[in-house]
Amino acid sequence: MRLDKFLKISRIIKRRTLAKEVADQGRITVNGNAAKASSVLSEGDELVIRFGQKLVTVKVNSLRENVRKDEADTLYTIVKEEKIEQ
């Protein structure tokens, strides 16, 4: 599954276009490598996403095309969140 689609379906980022912009700005890494919106994810991958002053590390648990809103958080596990000091 594409990175931007996973971020939208899992509701980590609300809109796919926003997920694409974040990825294209180089603010997401997959398993330590810079990722584009079209990067293909697989189960077990580790994403590091930079949201403003925060780094969020997420582990992909499963990939599904459709998921209900209340089940969206089962697709991933937040490994850690840390603030970035400026």
N, C-alpha and C. Protein backbone atom coordinates (compact mmCIF):
# COMPACT_ATOMS: atom_id res chain seq x y z
N MET A 1 0.85 -1.18 0.00
CA MET A 1 0.00 0.00 0.00
C MET A 1 0.89 1.24 0.00
N ARG A 2 0.47 2.26 -0.72
CA ARG A 2 1.21 3.51 -0.78
C ARG A 2 1.23 4.20 0.59
N LEU A 3 2.31 4.91 0.85
CA LEU A 3 2.48 5.61 2.12
C LEU A 3 1.36 6.63 2.36
N ASP A 4 1.07 7.47 1.37
CA ASP A 4 0.05 8.50 1.57
C ASP A 4 -1.32 7.89 1.83
N LYS A 5 -1.64 6.79 1.18
CA LYS A 5 -2.93 6.13 1.39
C LYS A 5 -3.01 5.53 2.79
N PHE A 6 -1.92 4.91 3.26
CA PHE A 6 -1.90 4.34 4.61
C PHE A 6 -2.11 5.43 5.66
N LEU A 7 -1.44 6.57 5.50
CA LEU A 7 -1.56 7.64 6.48
C LEU A 7 -3.00 8.16 6.55
N LYS A 8 -3.68 8.19 5.41
CA LYS A 8 -5.07 8.64 5.39
C LYS A 8 -6.00 7.59 6.01
N ILE A 9 -5.87 6.34 5.59
CA ILE A 9 -6.77 5.28 6.08
C ILE A 9 -6.59 5.07 7.58
N SER A 10 -5.35 5.15 8.07
CA SER A 10 -5.10 4.96 9.50
C SER A 10 -5.44 6.21 10.31
N ARG A 11 -5.73 7.31 9.60
CA ARG A 11 -6.09 8.59 10.21
C ARG A 11 -4.96 9.21 11.03
N ILE A 12 -3.73 8.88 10.68
CA ILE A 12 -2.58 9.57 11.28
C ILE A 12 -2.55 10.99 10.72
N ILE A 13 -2.79 11.10 9.41
CA ILE A 13 -2.96 12.40 8.75
C ILE A 13 -4.33 12.36 8.08
N LYS A 14 -5.11 13.40 8.25
CA LYS A 14 -6.53 13.37 7.87
C LYS A 14 -6.78 13.30 6.36
N ARG A 15 -5.97 14.00 5.56
CA ARG A 15 -6.23 14.03 4.12
C ARG A 15 -5.04 13.48 3.35
N ARG A 16 -5.34 12.78 2.26
CA ARG A 16 -4.28 12.16 1.46
C ARG A 16 -3.39 13.21 0.81
N THR A 17 -3.96 14.33 0.39
CA THR A 17 -3.14 15.38 -0.23
C THR A 17 -2.17 15.97 0.78
N LEU A 18 -2.60 16.12 2.01
CA LEU A 18 -1.71 16.61 3.07
C LEU A 18 -0.61 15.58 3.36
N ALA A 19 -0.97 14.30 3.37
CA ALA A 19 0.02 13.24 3.58
C ALA A 19 1.07 13.26 2.46
N LYS A 20 0.62 13.51 1.24
CA LYS A 20 1.54 13.58 0.10
C LYS A 20 2.49 14.77 0.26
N GLU A 21 1.97 15.93 0.68
CA GLU A 21 2.82 17.10 0.87
C GLU A 21 3.87 16.87 1.96
N VAL A 22 3.46 16.26 3.08
CA VAL A 22 4.37 15.99 4.19
C VAL A 22 5.49 15.06 3.72
N ALA A 23 5.13 14.02 2.98
CA ALA A 23 6.13 13.07 2.47
C ALA A 23 7.08 13.74 1.48
N ASP A 24 6.53 14.56 0.59
CA ASP A 24 7.36 15.22 -0.42
C ASP A 24 8.30 16.26 0.18
N GLN A 25 7.98 16.75 1.37
CA GLN A 25 8.87 17.69 2.07
C GLN A 25 9.99 16.98 2.81
N GLY A 26 10.01 15.65 2.77
CA GLY A 26 11.08 14.89 3.41
C GLY A 26 10.91 14.74 4.90
N ARG A 27 9.68 14.85 5.41
CA ARG A 27 9.44 14.78 6.85
C ARG A 27 9.05 13.38 7.32
N ILE A 28 9.10 12.39 6.41
CA ILE A 28 8.76 11.01 6.79
C ILE A 28 9.89 10.09 6.35
N THR A 29 10.28 9.18 7.26
CA THR A 29 11.22 8.13 6.88
C THR A 29 10.57 6.78 7.13
N VAL A 30 10.89 5.81 6.27
CA VAL A 30 10.42 4.44 6.41
C VAL A 30 11.64 3.57 6.62
N ASN A 31 11.72 2.93 7.77
CA ASN A 31 12.86 2.07 8.12
C ASN A 31 14.20 2.81 7.95
N GLY A 32 14.21 4.09 8.29
CA GLY A 32 15.44 4.87 8.25
C GLY A 32 15.76 5.54 6.93
N ASN A 33 14.97 5.28 5.90
CA ASN A 33 15.20 5.87 4.58
C ASN A 33 14.14 6.92 4.29
N ALA A 34 14.55 8.01 3.64
CA ALA A 34 13.58 9.05 3.27
C ALA A 34 12.52 8.44 2.38
N ALA A 35 11.26 8.84 2.60
CA ALA A 35 10.15 8.23 1.88
C ALA A 35 9.40 9.25 1.06
N LYS A 36 8.93 8.82 -0.10
CA LYS A 36 8.04 9.62 -0.93
C LYS A 36 6.61 9.13 -0.70
N ALA A 37 5.65 9.89 -1.19
CA ALA A 37 4.23 9.52 -1.03
C ALA A 37 3.94 8.18 -1.70
N SER A 38 4.68 7.86 -2.75
CA SER A 38 4.43 6.63 -3.49
C SER A 38 5.19 5.42 -2.93
N SER A 39 5.94 5.61 -1.84
CA SER A 39 6.68 4.49 -1.25
C SER A 39 5.71 3.40 -0.83
N VAL A 40 6.09 2.15 -1.10
CA VAL A 40 5.22 1.03 -0.78
C VAL A 40 5.54 0.53 0.63
N LEU A 41 4.50 0.43 1.45
CA LEU A 41 4.66 -0.06 2.82
C LEU A 41 4.34 -1.53 2.91
N SER A 42 4.91 -2.19 3.90
CA SER A 42 4.53 -3.56 4.22
C SER A 42 4.43 -3.66 5.74
N GLU A 43 3.79 -4.72 6.20
CA GLU A 43 3.59 -4.89 7.64
C GLU A 43 4.94 -4.99 8.34
N GLY A 44 5.05 -4.34 9.50
CA GLY A 44 6.29 -4.36 10.26
C GLY A 44 7.19 -3.17 9.99
N ASP A 45 6.87 -2.36 8.98
CA ASP A 45 7.68 -1.17 8.69
C ASP A 45 7.57 -0.16 9.83
N GLU A 46 8.63 0.62 10.01
CA GLU A 46 8.64 1.64 11.05
C GLU A 46 8.73 3.01 10.39
N LEU A 47 7.75 3.87 10.69
CA LEU A 47 7.69 5.21 10.13
C LEU A 47 8.10 6.21 11.19
N VAL A 48 8.88 7.21 10.81
CA VAL A 48 9.18 8.34 11.69
C VAL A 48 8.65 9.57 10.98
N ILE A 49 7.68 10.25 11.62
CA ILE A 49 7.00 11.39 11.03
C ILE A 49 7.28 12.62 11.87
N ARG A 50 7.66 13.72 11.22
CA ARG A 50 7.91 14.97 11.94
C ARG A 50 6.70 15.88 11.78
N PHE A 51 6.02 16.12 12.90
CA PHE A 51 4.89 17.06 12.95
C PHE A 51 5.37 18.29 13.70
N GLY A 52 5.70 19.36 13.01
CA GLY A 52 6.13 20.59 13.68
C GLY A 52 7.27 20.35 14.65
N GLN A 53 7.01 20.46 15.96
CA GLN A 53 8.05 20.30 16.99
C GLN A 53 8.03 18.91 17.61
N LYS A 54 7.47 17.91 16.91
CA LYS A 54 7.32 16.58 17.49
C LYS A 54 7.72 15.51 16.48
N LEU A 55 8.44 14.50 16.96
CA LEU A 55 8.76 13.32 16.15
C LEU A 55 7.93 12.15 16.66
N VAL A 56 7.19 11.50 15.76
CA VAL A 56 6.36 10.37 16.14
C VAL A 56 6.87 9.14 15.39
N THR A 57 7.17 8.08 16.14
CA THR A 57 7.61 6.82 15.55
C THR A 57 6.45 5.84 15.61
N VAL A 58 6.08 5.28 14.46
CA VAL A 58 4.91 4.42 14.33
C VAL A 58 5.32 3.11 13.68
N LYS A 59 4.80 1.99 14.19
CA LYS A 59 5.04 0.68 13.60
C LYS A 59 3.77 0.23 12.90
N VAL A 60 3.88 -0.21 11.64
CA VAL A 60 2.73 -0.65 10.86
C VAL A 60 2.36 -2.07 11.29
N ASN A 61 1.13 -2.25 11.81
CA ASN A 61 0.66 -3.57 12.23
C ASN A 61 0.00 -4.33 11.09
N SER A 62 -0.88 -3.67 10.35
CA SER A 62 -1.56 -4.33 9.24
C SER A 62 -1.94 -3.31 8.19
N LEU A 63 -2.14 -3.81 6.98
CA LEU A 63 -2.52 -2.97 5.84
C LEU A 63 -3.88 -3.44 5.34
N ARG A 64 -4.88 -2.57 5.40
CA ARG A 64 -6.21 -2.91 4.89
C ARG A 64 -6.71 -1.75 4.04
N GLU A 65 -7.47 -2.07 2.99
CA GLU A 65 -7.98 -1.04 2.09
C GLU A 65 -9.06 -0.20 2.74
N ASN A 66 -9.95 -0.83 3.47
CA ASN A 66 -11.05 -0.12 4.11
C ASN A 66 -11.06 -0.45 5.59
N VAL A 67 -11.29 0.57 6.40
CA VAL A 67 -11.34 0.36 7.85
C VAL A 67 -12.29 1.40 8.44
N ARG A 68 -13.05 0.98 9.45
CA ARG A 68 -13.96 1.92 10.10
C ARG A 68 -13.17 2.85 11.01
N LYS A 69 -13.75 4.02 11.29
CA LYS A 69 -13.06 5.04 12.06
C LYS A 69 -12.61 4.52 13.42
N ASP A 70 -13.45 3.75 14.11
CA ASP A 70 -13.09 3.27 15.44
C ASP A 70 -12.07 2.14 15.42
N GLU A 71 -11.80 1.57 14.25
CA GLU A 71 -10.80 0.51 14.13
C GLU A 71 -9.49 1.00 13.51
N ALA A 72 -9.44 2.27 13.15
CA ALA A 72 -8.27 2.81 12.43
C ALA A 72 -7.00 2.70 13.26
N ASP A 73 -7.10 2.84 14.58
CA ASP A 73 -5.88 2.81 15.40
C ASP A 73 -5.32 1.40 15.57
N THR A 74 -6.01 0.37 15.07
CA THR A 74 -5.46 -0.99 15.13
C THR A 74 -4.45 -1.24 14.01
N LEU A 75 -4.39 -0.35 13.03
CA LEU A 75 -3.47 -0.52 11.90
C LEU A 75 -2.03 -0.20 12.27
N TYR A 76 -1.82 0.53 13.38
CA TYR A 76 -0.47 0.94 13.76
C TYR A 76 -0.32 0.98 15.27
N THR A 77 0.93 1.00 15.72
CA THR A 77 1.26 1.16 17.12
C THR A 77 2.24 2.32 17.23
N ILE A 78 1.95 3.26 18.15
CA ILE A 78 2.89 4.36 18.36
C ILE A 78 4.01 3.85 19.26
N VAL A 79 5.23 3.84 18.72
CA VAL A 79 6.38 3.35 19.46
C VAL A 79 6.88 4.41 20.44
N LYS A 80 7.03 5.65 19.93
CA LYS A 80 7.44 6.74 20.82
C LYS A 80 7.11 8.08 20.20
N GLU A 81 6.95 9.07 21.08
CA GLU A 81 6.77 10.46 20.68
C GLU A 81 7.81 11.28 21.42
N GLU A 82 8.47 12.19 20.70
CA GLU A 82 9.46 13.03 21.36
C GLU A 82 9.42 14.43 20.80
N LYS A 83 9.66 15.39 21.68
CA LYS A 83 9.69 16.79 21.25
C LYS A 83 11.06 17.10 20.67
N ILE A 84 11.07 17.97 19.66
CA ILE A 84 12.31 18.41 19.04
C ILE A 84 12.70 19.74 19.68
N GLU A 85 13.90 19.81 20.21
CA GLU A 85 14.39 21.06 20.81
C GLU A 85 14.96 21.94 19.72
N GLN A 86 14.61 23.21 19.77
CA GLN A 86 15.11 24.16 18.77
C GLN A 86 16.25 24.95 19.32
